[in-house]
Every structure is written in structure tokens, then in C-alpha cells.
Amino acid sequence: MNIIPIVQTWLFLALALVAFGIQIWALIDCVRAKPVEFERAFKKTKGFWLGITAGSAAIGFICIPPPIGLGGPIFLQLIAVTASAIYLADVRPALKDARRGGNRNSGPYGPW
């Protein structure tokens, strides 16, 4: 019995579930944000980011291996998790700053 394919299957399943968790996190955060916060942060509209994050979560679910999902191609999962990561790394911090009403160019002790 060859154990390598079994380990690869479980590893891919674990990585796909982690990627799907990131996508769901981005989607939930986007749903909770108010539309005016996107305008204050000078980002695209809430509808745009809601479509991106919902689409990436749908693709992420489809790409989970067959015991849970349908087992789509890996490159679609990579594209989808990259889109969600861009939201979490760029848009989410700007929205947090917009909620506080702060200036994006200010440091912890005031503007530099």
C-alpha cells in the first residue's frame, strides 16, 4: 500500500479548508461593513467587494476535494483565495480606519 497519495489527499483537503475559511472570513467582514465606509476609505463600492468575496467563497467551496465539495481545479482555488486575501490585507484595514474616522497618513502619535 502506498501512503503518499493518501497523505497528499489529506494535505490538500486541509489546505482547501484553510483557504475556504479565509474566504468566508473575508465575506463575513464585507457583509458587516457599511457602504459609506467604503466611500470614506476611497475603495471600490461595497457591492463590488461583496461580489468578489462571495464569488471567491463559492469557488472555494467548489474546489474543496470530493468528500465535502466538488473538487475543482487548484488554480481556481488559488485565484479565489488571492482575491479574499487582497480584501483582508488592503480593504479591511482601510475600512477599520474609516470607522475610527482617522486619517490614513497618521501614525500612533499623530500625523507625521
PDB file of N, CA and C in Angstrom:
ATOM      1  N   MET A   1       0.849  -1.184   0.000  1.00  0.00           N
ATOM      2  CA  MET A   1       0.000   0.000   0.000  1.00  0.00           C
ATOM      3  C   MET A   1       0.891   1.242   0.000  1.00  0.00           C
ATOM      4  N   ASN A   2       0.598   2.153  -0.889  1.00  0.00           N
ATOM      5  CA  ASN A   2       1.369   3.380  -0.998  1.00  0.00           C
ATOM      6  C   ASN A   2       0.692   4.473  -0.175  1.00  0.00           C
ATOM      7  N   ILE A   3       1.402   5.031   0.771  1.00  0.00           N
ATOM      8  CA  ILE A   3       0.821   6.009   1.687  1.00  0.00           C
ATOM      9  C   ILE A   3       0.894   7.444   1.156  1.00  0.00           C
ATOM     10  N   ILE A   4       1.751   7.687   0.171  1.00  0.00           N
ATOM     11  CA  ILE A   4       1.948   9.052  -0.332  1.00  0.00           C
ATOM     12  C   ILE A   4       0.663   9.653  -0.910  1.00  0.00           C
ATOM     13  N   PRO A   5      -0.106   8.940  -1.745  1.00  0.00           N
ATOM     14  CA  PRO A   5      -1.344   9.548  -2.246  1.00  0.00           C
ATOM     15  C   PRO A   5      -2.356   9.864  -1.146  1.00  0.00           C
ATOM     16  N   ILE A   6      -2.379   9.040  -0.121  1.00  0.00           N
ATOM     17  CA  ILE A   6      -3.309   9.288   0.991  1.00  0.00           C
ATOM     18  C   ILE A   6      -2.906  10.556   1.733  1.00  0.00           C
ATOM     19  N   VAL A   7      -1.624  10.719   2.009  1.00  0.00           N
ATOM     20  CA  VAL A   7      -1.132  11.924   2.686  1.00  0.00           C
ATOM     21  C   VAL A   7      -1.382  13.158   1.830  1.00  0.00           C
ATOM     22  N   GLN A   8      -1.154  13.044   0.529  1.00  0.00           N
ATOM     23  CA  GLN A   8      -1.401  14.178  -0.365  1.00  0.00           C
ATOM     24  C   GLN A   8      -2.877  14.572  -0.365  1.00  0.00           C
ATOM     25  N   THR A   9      -3.757  13.608  -0.362  1.00  0.00           N
ATOM     26  CA  THR A   9      -5.190  13.888  -0.354  1.00  0.00           C
ATOM     27  C   THR A   9      -5.592  14.622   0.915  1.00  0.00           C
ATOM     28  N   TRP A  10      -5.126  14.151   2.059  1.00  0.00           N
ATOM     29  CA  TRP A  10      -5.475  14.796   3.324  1.00  0.00           C
ATOM     30  C   TRP A  10      -4.844  16.188   3.441  1.00  0.00           C
ATOM     31  N   LEU A  11      -3.633  16.323   2.936  1.00  0.00           N
ATOM     32  CA  LEU A  11      -2.979  17.632   2.967  1.00  0.00           C
ATOM     33  C   LEU A  11      -3.720  18.628   2.092  1.00  0.00           C
ATOM     34  N   PHE A  12      -4.112  18.210   0.892  1.00  0.00           N
ATOM     35  CA  PHE A  12      -4.856  19.091   0.014  1.00  0.00           C
ATOM     36  C   PHE A  12      -6.207  19.449   0.619  1.00  0.00           C
ATOM     37  N   LEU A  13      -6.857  18.501   1.262  1.00  0.00           N
ATOM     38  CA  LEU A  13      -8.128  18.780   1.932  1.00  0.00           C
ATOM     39  C   LEU A  13      -7.941  19.809   3.037  1.00  0.00           C
ATOM     40  N   ALA A  14      -6.896  19.667   3.833  1.00  0.00           N
ATOM     41  CA  ALA A  14      -6.635  20.626   4.912  1.00  0.00           C
ATOM     42  C   ALA A  14      -6.348  22.017   4.357  1.00  0.00           C
ATOM     43  N   LEU A  15      -5.533  22.099   3.309  1.00  0.00           N
ATOM     44  CA  LEU A  15      -5.227  23.406   2.716  1.00  0.00           C
ATOM     45  C   LEU A  15      -6.456  24.035   2.075  1.00  0.00           C
ATOM     46  N   ALA A  16      -7.285  23.231   1.442  1.00  0.00           N
ATOM     47  CA  ALA A  16      -8.512  23.753   0.838  1.00  0.00           C
ATOM     48  C   ALA A  16      -9.466  24.272   1.901  1.00  0.00           C
ATOM     49  N   LEU A  17      -9.546  23.607   3.046  1.00  0.00           N
ATOM     50  CA  LEU A  17     -10.417  24.070   4.124  1.00  0.00           C
ATOM     51  C   LEU A  17      -9.894  25.359   4.756  1.00  0.00           C
ATOM     52  N   VAL A  18      -8.577  25.488   4.878  1.00  0.00           N
ATOM     53  CA  VAL A  18      -7.994  26.735   5.379  1.00  0.00           C
ATOM     54  C   VAL A  18      -8.286  27.879   4.409  1.00  0.00           C
ATOM     55  N   ALA A  19      -8.116  27.630   3.123  1.00  0.00           N
ATOM     56  CA  ALA A  19      -8.408  28.656   2.118  1.00  0.00           C
ATOM     57  C   ALA A  19      -9.885  29.034   2.151  1.00  0.00           C
ATOM     58  N   PHE A  20     -10.766  28.056   2.311  1.00  0.00           N
ATOM     59  CA  PHE A  20     -12.197  28.342   2.387  1.00  0.00           C
ATOM     60  C   PHE A  20     -12.525  29.151   3.636  1.00  0.00           C
ATOM     61  N   GLY A  21     -11.845  28.877   4.740  1.00  0.00           N
ATOM     62  CA  GLY A  21     -12.036  29.671   5.957  1.00  0.00           C
ATOM     63  C   GLY A  21     -11.641  31.122   5.753  1.00  0.00           C
ATOM     64  N   ILE A  22     -10.548  31.362   5.050  1.00  0.00           N
ATOM     65  CA  ILE A  22     -10.123  32.732   4.737  1.00  0.00           C
ATOM     66  C   ILE A  22     -11.169  33.421   3.868  1.00  0.00           C
ATOM     67  N   GLN A  23     -11.709  32.705   2.908  1.00  0.00           N
ATOM     68  CA  GLN A  23     -12.713  33.278   2.023  1.00  0.00           C
ATOM     69  C   GLN A  23     -14.001  33.611   2.771  1.00  0.00           C
ATOM     70  N   ILE A  24     -14.416  32.749   3.675  1.00  0.00           N
ATOM     71  CA  ILE A  24     -15.618  33.018   4.476  1.00  0.00           C
ATOM     72  C   ILE A  24     -15.376  34.207   5.407  1.00  0.00           C
ATOM     73  N   TRP A  25     -14.183  34.300   5.991  1.00  0.00           N
ATOM     74  CA  TRP A  25     -13.839  35.427   6.855  1.00  0.00           C
ATOM     75  C   TRP A  25     -13.954  36.742   6.084  1.00  0.00           C
ATOM     76  N   ALA A  26     -13.417  36.788   4.879  1.00  0.00           N
ATOM     77  CA  ALA A  26     -13.492  37.997   4.063  1.00  0.00           C
ATOM     78  C   ALA A  26     -14.942  38.329   3.714  1.00  0.00           C
ATOM     79  N   LEU A  27     -15.729  37.321   3.380  1.00  0.00           N
ATOM     80  CA  LEU A  27     -17.131  37.553   3.035  1.00  0.00           C
ATOM     81  C   LEU A  27     -17.924  38.093   4.219  1.00  0.00           C
ATOM     82  N   ILE A  28     -17.749  37.506   5.381  1.00  0.00           N
ATOM     83  CA  ILE A  28     -18.473  37.967   6.571  1.00  0.00           C
ATOM     84  C   ILE A  28     -18.061  39.386   6.933  1.00  0.00           C
ATOM     85  N   ASP A  29     -16.779  39.697   6.850  1.00  0.00           N
ATOM     86  CA  ASP A  29     -16.322  41.046   7.159  1.00  0.00           C
ATOM     87  C   ASP A  29     -16.892  42.059   6.162  1.00  0.00           C
ATOM     88  N   CYS A  30     -16.976  41.688   4.908  1.00  0.00           N
ATOM     89  CA  CYS A  30     -17.515  42.581   3.887  1.00  0.00           C
ATOM     90  C   CYS A  30     -19.009  42.809   4.103  1.00  0.00           C
ATOM     91  N   VAL A  31     -19.738  41.767   4.477  1.00  0.00           N
ATOM     92  CA  VAL A  31     -21.174  41.902   4.721  1.00  0.00           C
ATOM     93  C   VAL A  31     -21.426  42.830   5.911  1.00  0.00           C
ATOM     94  N   ARG A  32     -20.592  42.772   6.924  1.00  0.00           N
ATOM     95  CA  ARG A  32     -20.783  43.580   8.128  1.00  0.00           C
ATOM     96  C   ARG A  32     -20.435  45.047   7.942  1.00  0.00           C
ATOM     97  N   ALA A  33     -19.618  45.363   6.951  1.00  0.00           N
ATOM     98  CA  ALA A  33     -19.201  46.756   6.730  1.00  0.00           C
ATOM     99  C   ALA A  33     -20.345  47.557   6.122  1.00  0.00           C
ATOM    100  N   LYS A  34     -20.365  48.838   6.445  1.00  0.00           N
ATOM    101  CA  LYS A  34     -21.382  49.739   5.903  1.00  0.00           C
ATOM    102  C   LYS A  34     -20.896  50.306   4.570  1.00  0.00           C
ATOM    103  N   PRO A  35     -21.832  50.566   3.658  1.00  0.00           N
ATOM    104  CA  PRO A  35     -21.426  51.104   2.345  1.00  0.00           C
ATOM    105  C   PRO A  35     -20.666  52.426   2.423  1.00  0.00           C
ATOM    106  N   VAL A  36     -21.002  53.264   3.393  1.00  0.00           N
ATOM    107  CA  VAL A  36     -20.337  54.563   3.495  1.00  0.00           C
ATOM    108  C   VAL A  36     -18.872  54.420   3.900  1.00  0.00           C
ATOM    109  N   GLU A  37     -18.536  53.339   4.588  1.00  0.00           N
ATOM    110  CA  GLU A  37     -17.143  53.114   4.988  1.00  0.00           C
ATOM    111  C   GLU A  37     -16.251  52.874   3.778  1.00  0.00           C
ATOM    112  N   PHE A  38     -16.785  52.238   2.749  1.00  0.00           N
ATOM    113  CA  PHE A  38     -16.014  52.020   1.529  1.00  0.00           C
ATOM    114  C   PHE A  38     -15.726  53.352   0.842  1.00  0.00           C
ATOM    115  N   GLU A  39     -16.712  54.257   0.873  1.00  0.00           N
ATOM    116  CA  GLU A  39     -16.512  55.578   0.272  1.00  0.00           C
ATOM    117  C   GLU A  39     -15.492  56.393   1.060  1.00  0.00           C
ATOM    118  N   ARG A  40     -15.577  56.327   2.375  1.00  0.00           N
ATOM    119  CA  ARG A  40     -14.625  57.060   3.216  1.00  0.00           C
ATOM    120  C   ARG A  40     -13.203  56.548   3.053  1.00  0.00           C
ATOM    121  N   ALA A  41     -13.075  55.255   2.796  1.00  0.00           N
ATOM    122  CA  ALA A  41     -11.753  54.639   2.653  1.00  0.00           C
ATOM    123  C   ALA A  41     -11.218  54.761   1.227  1.00  0.00           C
ATOM    124  N   PHE A  42     -11.995  55.354   0.323  1.00  0.00           N
ATOM    125  CA  PHE A  42     -11.610  55.515  -1.088  1.00  0.00           C
ATOM    126  C   PHE A  42     -11.327  54.168  -1.740  1.00  0.00           C
ATOM    127  N   LYS A  43     -12.172  53.189  -1.433  1.00  0.00           N
ATOM    128  CA  LYS A  43     -12.084  51.867  -2.059  1.00  0.00           C
ATOM    129  C   LYS A  43     -13.275  51.709  -2.993  1.00  0.00           C
ATOM    130  N   LYS A  44     -13.316  50.633  -3.757  1.00  0.00           N
ATOM    131  CA  LYS A  44     -14.470  50.362  -4.612  1.00  0.00           C
ATOM    132  C   LYS A  44     -15.718  50.230  -3.746  1.00  0.00           C
ATOM    133  N   THR A  45     -16.872  50.114  -4.377  1.00  0.00           N
ATOM    134  CA  THR A  45     -18.132  50.059  -3.637  1.00  0.00           C
ATOM    135  C   THR A  45     -18.275  48.739  -2.874  1.00  0.00           C
ATOM    136  N   LYS A  46     -19.228  48.760  -1.944  1.00  0.00           N
ATOM    137  CA  LYS A  46     -19.492  47.548  -1.176  1.00  0.00           C
ATOM    138  C   LYS A  46     -19.987  46.437  -2.091  1.00  0.00           C
ATOM    139  N   GLY A  47     -20.815  46.763  -3.061  1.00  0.00           N
ATOM    140  CA  GLY A  47     -21.315  45.759  -3.992  1.00  0.00           C
ATOM    141  C   GLY A  47     -20.200  45.071  -4.758  1.00  0.00           C
ATOM    142  N   PHE A  48     -19.194  45.838  -5.156  1.00  0.00           N
ATOM    143  CA  PHE A  48     -18.052  45.265  -5.868  1.00  0.00           C
ATOM    144  C   PHE A  48     -17.338  44.255  -4.981  1.00  0.00           C
ATOM    145  N   TRP A  49     -16.988  44.658  -3.758  1.00  0.00           N
ATOM    146  CA  TRP A  49     -16.245  43.762  -2.873  1.00  0.00           C
ATOM    147  C   TRP A  49     -17.110  42.616  -2.375  1.00  0.00           C
ATOM    148  N   LEU A  50     -18.409  42.848  -2.249  1.00  0.00           N
ATOM    149  CA  LEU A  50     -19.305  41.758  -1.867  1.00  0.00           C
ATOM    150  C   LEU A  50     -19.359  40.704  -2.973  1.00  0.00           C
ATOM    151  N   GLY A  51     -19.385  41.150  -4.223  1.00  0.00           N
ATOM    152  CA  GLY A  51     -19.359  40.210  -5.343  1.00  0.00           C
ATOM    153  C   GLY A  51     -18.052  39.437  -5.416  1.00  0.00           C
ATOM    154  N   ILE A  52     -16.940  40.143  -5.195  1.00  0.00           N
ATOM    155  CA  ILE A  52     -15.626  39.477  -5.227  1.00  0.00           C
ATOM    156  C   ILE A  52     -15.513  38.436  -4.118  1.00  0.00           C
ATOM    157  N   THR A  53     -15.873  38.816  -2.905  1.00  0.00           N
ATOM    158  CA  THR A  53     -15.716  37.883  -1.783  1.00  0.00           C
ATOM    159  C   THR A  53     -16.736  36.741  -1.843  1.00  0.00           C
ATOM    160  N   ALA A  54     -17.958  37.018  -2.282  1.00  0.00           N
ATOM    161  CA  ALA A  54     -18.958  35.943  -2.404  1.00  0.00           C
ATOM    162  C   ALA A  54     -18.570  34.983  -3.526  1.00  0.00           C
ATOM    163  N   GLY A  55     -18.084  35.532  -4.622  1.00  0.00           N
ATOM    164  CA  GLY A  55     -17.633  34.671  -5.719  1.00  0.00           C
ATOM    165  C   GLY A  55     -16.447  33.815  -5.320  1.00  0.00           C
ATOM    166  N   SER A  56     -15.518  34.407  -4.573  1.00  0.00           N
ATOM    167  CA  SER A  56     -14.357  33.620  -4.154  1.00  0.00           C
ATOM    168  C   SER A  56     -14.757  32.546  -3.142  1.00  0.00           C
ATOM    169  N   ALA A  57     -15.734  32.839  -2.284  1.00  0.00           N
ATOM    170  CA  ALA A  57     -16.196  31.814  -1.335  1.00  0.00           C
ATOM    171  C   ALA A  57     -16.916  30.682  -2.073  1.00  0.00           C
ATOM    172  N   ALA A  58     -17.682  31.014  -3.094  1.00  0.00           N
ATOM    173  CA  ALA A  58     -18.369  29.975  -3.875  1.00  0.00           C
ATOM    174  C   ALA A  58     -17.357  29.098  -4.611  1.00  0.00           C
ATOM    175  N   ILE A  59     -16.371  29.730  -5.234  1.00  0.00           N
ATOM    176  CA  ILE A  59     -15.329  28.959  -5.924  1.00  0.00           C
ATOM    177  C   ILE A  59     -14.533  28.136  -4.920  1.00  0.00           C
ATOM    178  N   GLY A  60     -14.273  28.720  -3.745  1.00  0.00           N
ATOM    179  CA  GLY A  60     -13.542  27.986  -2.712  1.00  0.00           C
ATOM    180  C   GLY A  60     -14.273  26.743  -2.260  1.00  0.00           C
ATOM    181  N   PHE A  61     -15.599  26.840  -2.132  1.00  0.00           N
ATOM    182  CA  PHE A  61     -16.366  25.658  -1.736  1.00  0.00           C
ATOM    183  C   PHE A  61     -16.359  24.607  -2.833  1.00  0.00           C
ATOM    184  N   ILE A  62     -16.500  25.041  -4.079  1.00  0.00           N
ATOM    185  CA  ILE A  62     -16.499  24.100  -5.196  1.00  0.00           C
ATOM    186  C   ILE A  62     -15.164  23.372  -5.301  1.00  0.00           C
ATOM    187  N   CYS A  63     -14.069  24.048  -4.971  1.00  0.00           N
ATOM    188  CA  CYS A  63     -12.733  23.466  -5.131  1.00  0.00           C
ATOM    189  C   CYS A  63     -12.295  22.589  -3.969  1.00  0.00           C
ATOM    190  N   ILE A  64     -13.110  22.453  -2.941  1.00  0.00           N
ATOM    191  CA  ILE A  64     -12.776  21.526  -1.853  1.00  0.00           C
ATOM    192  C   ILE A  64     -12.873  20.106  -2.398  1.00  0.00           C
ATOM    193  N   PRO A  65     -11.954  19.227  -2.026  1.00  0.00           N
ATOM    194  CA  PRO A  65     -11.982  17.851  -2.558  1.00  0.00           C
ATOM    195  C   PRO A  65     -13.303  17.126  -2.296  1.00  0.00           C
ATOM    196  N   PRO A  66     -13.596  16.088  -3.067  1.00  0.00           N
ATOM    197  CA  PRO A  66     -14.896  15.427  -3.109  1.00  0.00           C
ATOM    198  C   PRO A  66     -15.575  14.979  -1.811  1.00  0.00           C
ATOM    199  N   PRO A  67     -14.920  14.630  -0.742  1.00  0.00           N
ATOM    200  CA  PRO A  67     -15.757  14.271   0.416  1.00  0.00           C
ATOM    201  C   PRO A  67     -16.670  15.417   0.878  1.00  0.00           C
ATOM    202  N   ILE A  68     -16.272  16.663   0.629  1.00  0.00           N
ATOM    203  CA  ILE A  68     -17.060  17.810   1.070  1.00  0.00           C
ATOM    204  C   ILE A  68     -17.565  18.612  -0.124  1.00  0.00           C
ATOM    205  N   GLY A  69     -16.666  18.994  -1.026  1.00  0.00           N
ATOM    206  CA  GLY A  69     -17.010  19.810  -2.187  1.00  0.00           C
ATOM    207  C   GLY A  69     -16.986  18.988  -3.465  1.00  0.00           C
ATOM    208  N   LEU A  70     -16.775  19.681  -4.584  1.00  0.00           N
ATOM    209  CA  LEU A  70     -16.781  19.014  -5.881  1.00  0.00           C
ATOM    210  C   LEU A  70     -15.387  18.706  -6.411  1.00  0.00           C
ATOM    211  N   GLY A  71     -14.367  19.316  -5.854  1.00  0.00           N
ATOM    212  CA  GLY A  71     -13.002  19.040  -6.285  1.00  0.00           C
ATOM    213  C   GLY A  71     -12.617  19.734  -7.570  1.00  0.00           C
ATOM    214  N   GLY A  72     -12.845  21.029  -7.635  1.00  0.00           N
ATOM    215  CA  GLY A  72     -12.488  21.807  -8.822  1.00  0.00           C
ATOM    216  C   GLY A  72     -10.988  21.967  -8.974  1.00  0.00           C
ATOM    217  N   PRO A  73     -10.563  22.651 -10.045  1.00  0.00           N
ATOM    218  CA  PRO A  73      -9.133  22.828 -10.287  1.00  0.00           C
ATOM    219  C   PRO A  73      -8.445  23.695  -9.234  1.00  0.00           C
ATOM    220  N   ILE A  74      -7.203  23.365  -8.970  1.00  0.00           N
ATOM    221  CA  ILE A  74      -6.439  24.038  -7.928  1.00  0.00           C
ATOM    222  C   ILE A  74      -6.202  25.512  -8.274  1.00  0.00           C
ATOM    223  N   PHE A  75      -5.975  25.821  -9.542  1.00  0.00           N
ATOM    224  CA  PHE A  75      -5.665  27.212  -9.887  1.00  0.00           C
ATOM    225  C   PHE A  75      -6.848  28.130  -9.609  1.00  0.00           C
ATOM    226  N   LEU A  76      -8.091  27.630  -9.701  1.00  0.00           N
ATOM    227  CA  LEU A  76      -9.242  28.467  -9.345  1.00  0.00           C
ATOM    228  C   LEU A  76      -9.258  28.762  -7.845  1.00  0.00           C
ATOM    229  N   GLN A  77      -8.887  27.773  -7.044  1.00  0.00           N
ATOM    230  CA  GLN A  77      -8.802  27.987  -5.597  1.00  0.00           C
ATOM    231  C   GLN A  77      -7.743  29.029  -5.271  1.00  0.00           C
ATOM    232  N   LEU A  78      -6.616  28.995  -5.969  1.00  0.00           N
ATOM    233  CA  LEU A  78      -5.556  29.979  -5.730  1.00  0.00           C
ATOM    234  C   LEU A  78      -6.005  31.395  -6.104  1.00  0.00           C
ATOM    235  N   ILE A  79      -6.701  31.520  -7.218  1.00  0.00           N
ATOM    236  CA  ILE A  79      -7.210  32.830  -7.626  1.00  0.00           C
ATOM    237  C   ILE A  79      -8.228  33.344  -6.607  1.00  0.00           C
ATOM    238  N   ALA A  80      -9.118  32.464  -6.160  1.00  0.00           N
ATOM    239  CA  ALA A  80     -10.160  32.866  -5.217  1.00  0.00           C
ATOM    240  C   ALA A  80      -9.579  33.273  -3.860  1.00  0.00           C
ATOM    241  N   VAL A  81      -8.630  32.519  -3.353  1.00  0.00           N
ATOM    242  CA  VAL A  81      -8.058  32.867  -2.053  1.00  0.00           C
ATOM    243  C   VAL A  81      -7.196  34.123  -2.168  1.00  0.00           C
ATOM    244  N   THR A  82      -6.605  34.368  -3.326  1.00  0.00           N
ATOM    245  CA  THR A  82      -5.844  35.603  -3.527  1.00  0.00           C
ATOM    246  C   THR A  82      -6.762  36.816  -3.494  1.00  0.00           C
ATOM    247  N   ALA A  83      -7.933  36.714  -4.118  1.00  0.00           N
ATOM    248  CA  ALA A  83      -8.891  37.822  -4.094  1.00  0.00           C
ATOM    249  C   ALA A  83      -9.347  38.125  -2.666  1.00  0.00           C
ATOM    250  N   SER A  84      -9.623  37.090  -1.893  1.00  0.00           N
ATOM    251  CA  SER A  84     -10.025  37.295  -0.496  1.00  0.00           C
ATOM    252  C   SER A  84      -8.882  37.857   0.340  1.00  0.00           C
ATOM    253  N   ALA A  85      -7.662  37.411   0.069  1.00  0.00           N
ATOM    254  CA  ALA A  85      -6.501  37.920   0.801  1.00  0.00           C
ATOM    255  C   ALA A  85      -6.263  39.397   0.486  1.00  0.00           C
ATOM    256  N   ILE A  86      -6.505  39.809  -0.745  1.00  0.00           N
ATOM    257  CA  ILE A  86      -6.379  41.227  -1.089  1.00  0.00           C
ATOM    258  C   ILE A  86      -7.392  42.045  -0.306  1.00  0.00           C
ATOM    259  N   TYR A  87      -8.616  41.542  -0.208  1.00  0.00           N
ATOM    260  CA  TYR A  87      -9.618  42.248   0.594  1.00  0.00           C
ATOM    261  C   TYR A  87      -9.160  42.369   2.051  1.00  0.00           C
ATOM    262  N   LEU A  88      -8.692  41.254   2.624  1.00  0.00           N
ATOM    263  CA  LEU A  88      -8.308  41.269   4.037  1.00  0.00           C
ATOM    264  C   LEU A  88      -7.055  42.097   4.305  1.00  0.00           C
ATOM    265  N   ALA A  89      -6.132  42.146   3.362  1.00  0.00           N
ATOM    266  CA  ALA A  89      -4.869  42.850   3.578  1.00  0.00           C
ATOM    267  C   ALA A  89      -4.936  44.324   3.212  1.00  0.00           C
ATOM    268  N   ASP A  90      -5.806  44.710   2.292  1.00  0.00           N
ATOM    269  CA  ASP A  90      -5.839  46.090   1.818  1.00  0.00           C
ATOM    270  C   ASP A  90      -7.119  46.814   2.210  1.00  0.00           C
ATOM    271  N   VAL A  91      -8.254  46.228   1.910  1.00  0.00           N
ATOM    272  CA  VAL A  91      -9.527  46.921   2.116  1.00  0.00           C
ATOM    273  C   VAL A  91      -9.931  46.921   3.586  1.00  0.00           C
ATOM    274  N   ARG A  92      -9.790  45.791   4.254  1.00  0.00           N
ATOM    275  CA  ARG A  92     -10.219  45.707   5.657  1.00  0.00           C
ATOM    276  C   ARG A  92      -9.518  46.714   6.564  1.00  0.00           C
ATOM    277  N   PRO A  93      -8.183  46.877   6.486  1.00  0.00           N
ATOM    278  CA  PRO A  93      -7.553  47.903   7.330  1.00  0.00           C
ATOM    279  C   PRO A  93      -8.026  49.321   6.993  1.00  0.00           C
ATOM    280  N   ALA A  94      -8.277  49.593   5.722  1.00  0.00           N
ATOM    281  CA  ALA A  94      -8.777  50.915   5.341  1.00  0.00           C
ATOM    282  C   ALA A  94     -10.180  51.138   5.891  1.00  0.00           C
ATOM    283  N   LEU A  95     -10.994  50.099   5.914  1.00  0.00           N
ATOM    284  CA  LEU A  95     -12.341  50.228   6.473  1.00  0.00           C
ATOM    285  C   LEU A  95     -12.282  50.445   7.987  1.00  0.00           C
ATOM    286  N   LYS A  96     -11.372  49.759   8.653  1.00  0.00           N
ATOM    287  CA  LYS A  96     -11.213  49.962  10.096  1.00  0.00           C
ATOM    288  C   LYS A  96     -10.809  51.401  10.391  1.00  0.00           C
ATOM    289  N   ASP A  97      -9.930  51.932   9.568  1.00  0.00           N
ATOM    290  CA  ASP A  97      -9.502  53.319   9.737  1.00  0.00           C
ATOM    291  C   ASP A  97     -10.664  54.273   9.466  1.00  0.00           C
ATOM    292  N   ALA A  98     -11.486  53.959   8.488  1.00  0.00           N
ATOM    293  CA  ALA A  98     -12.644  54.800   8.172  1.00  0.00           C
ATOM    294  C   ALA A  98     -13.672  54.748   9.297  1.00  0.00           C
ATOM    295  N   ARG A  99     -13.796  53.614   9.964  1.00  0.00           N
ATOM    296  CA  ARG A  99     -14.725  53.515  11.098  1.00  0.00           C
ATOM    297  C   ARG A  99     -14.289  54.419  12.247  1.00  0.00           C
ATOM    298  N   ARG A 100     -12.979  54.491  12.453  1.00  0.00           N
ATOM    299  CA  ARG A 100     -12.467  55.351  13.521  1.00  0.00           C
ATOM    300  C   ARG A 100     -12.516  56.817  13.132  1.00  0.00           C
ATOM    301  N   GLY A 101     -12.635  57.066  11.841  1.00  0.00           N
ATOM    302  CA  GLY A 101     -12.653  58.442  11.374  1.00  0.00           C
ATOM    303  C   GLY A 101     -11.270  59.045  11.303  1.00  0.00           C
ATOM    304  N   GLY A 102     -10.244  58.217  11.343  1.00  0.00           N
ATOM    305  CA  GLY A 102      -8.873  58.705  11.336  1.00  0.00           C
ATOM    306  C   GLY A 102      -8.359  59.006   9.952  1.00  0.00           C
ATOM    307  N   ASN A 103      -7.219  59.637   9.933  1.00  0.00           N
ATOM    308  CA  ASN A 103      -6.535  59.940   8.689  1.00  0.00           C
ATOM    309  C   ASN A 103      -5.629  58.772   8.351  1.00  0.00           C
ATOM    310  N   ARG A 104      -5.603  58.353   7.102  1.00  0.00           N
ATOM    311  CA  ARG A 104      -4.778  57.207   6.713  1.00  0.00           C
ATOM    312  C   ARG A 104      -3.291  57.506   6.837  1.00  0.00           C
ATOM    313  N   ASN A 105      -2.911  58.762   6.859  1.00  0.00           N
ATOM    314  CA  ASN A 105      -1.490  59.114   6.910  1.00  0.00           C
ATOM    315  C   ASN A 105      -1.011  59.421   8.322  1.00  0.00           C
ATOM    316  N   SER A 106      -1.807  59.117   9.310  1.00  0.00           N
ATOM    317  CA  SER A 106      -1.390  59.436  10.676  1.00  0.00           C
ATOM    318  C   SER A 106      -0.830  58.209  11.367  1.00  0.00           C
ATOM    319  N   GLY A 107       0.166  58.424  12.180  1.00  0.00           N
ATOM    320  CA  GLY A 107       0.775  57.351  12.932  1.00  0.00           C
ATOM    321  C   GLY A 107       0.115  57.232  14.303  1.00  0.00           C
ATOM    322  N   PRO A 108       0.700  56.470  15.201  1.00  0.00           N
ATOM    323  CA  PRO A 108       0.087  56.276  16.518  1.00  0.00           C
ATOM    324  C   PRO A 108       0.131  57.537  17.402  1.00  0.00           C
ATOM    325  N   TYR A 109       1.028  58.492  17.063  1.00  0.00           N
ATOM    326  CA  TYR A 109       1.158  59.698  17.878  1.00  0.00           C
ATOM    327  C   TYR A 109       0.732  60.955  17.117  1.00  0.00           C
ATOM    328  N   GLY A 110      -0.012  60.788  16.050  1.00  0.00           N
ATOM    329  CA  GLY A 110      -0.461  61.922  15.253  1.00  0.00           C
ATOM    330  C   GLY A 110       0.121  61.891  13.861  1.00  0.00           C
ATOM    331  N   PRO A 111      -0.188  62.888  13.060  1.00  0.00           N
ATOM    332  CA  PRO A 111       0.310  62.881  11.676  1.00  0.00           C
ATOM    333  C   PRO A 111       1.817  63.095  11.646  1.00  0.00           C
ATOM    334  N   TRP A 112       2.456  62.456  10.695  1.00  0.00           N
ATOM    335  CA  TRP A 112       3.912  62.570  10.572  1.00  0.00           C
ATOM    336  C   TRP A 112       4.243  63.616   9.596  1.00  0.00           C
TER     337      TRP A 112
END
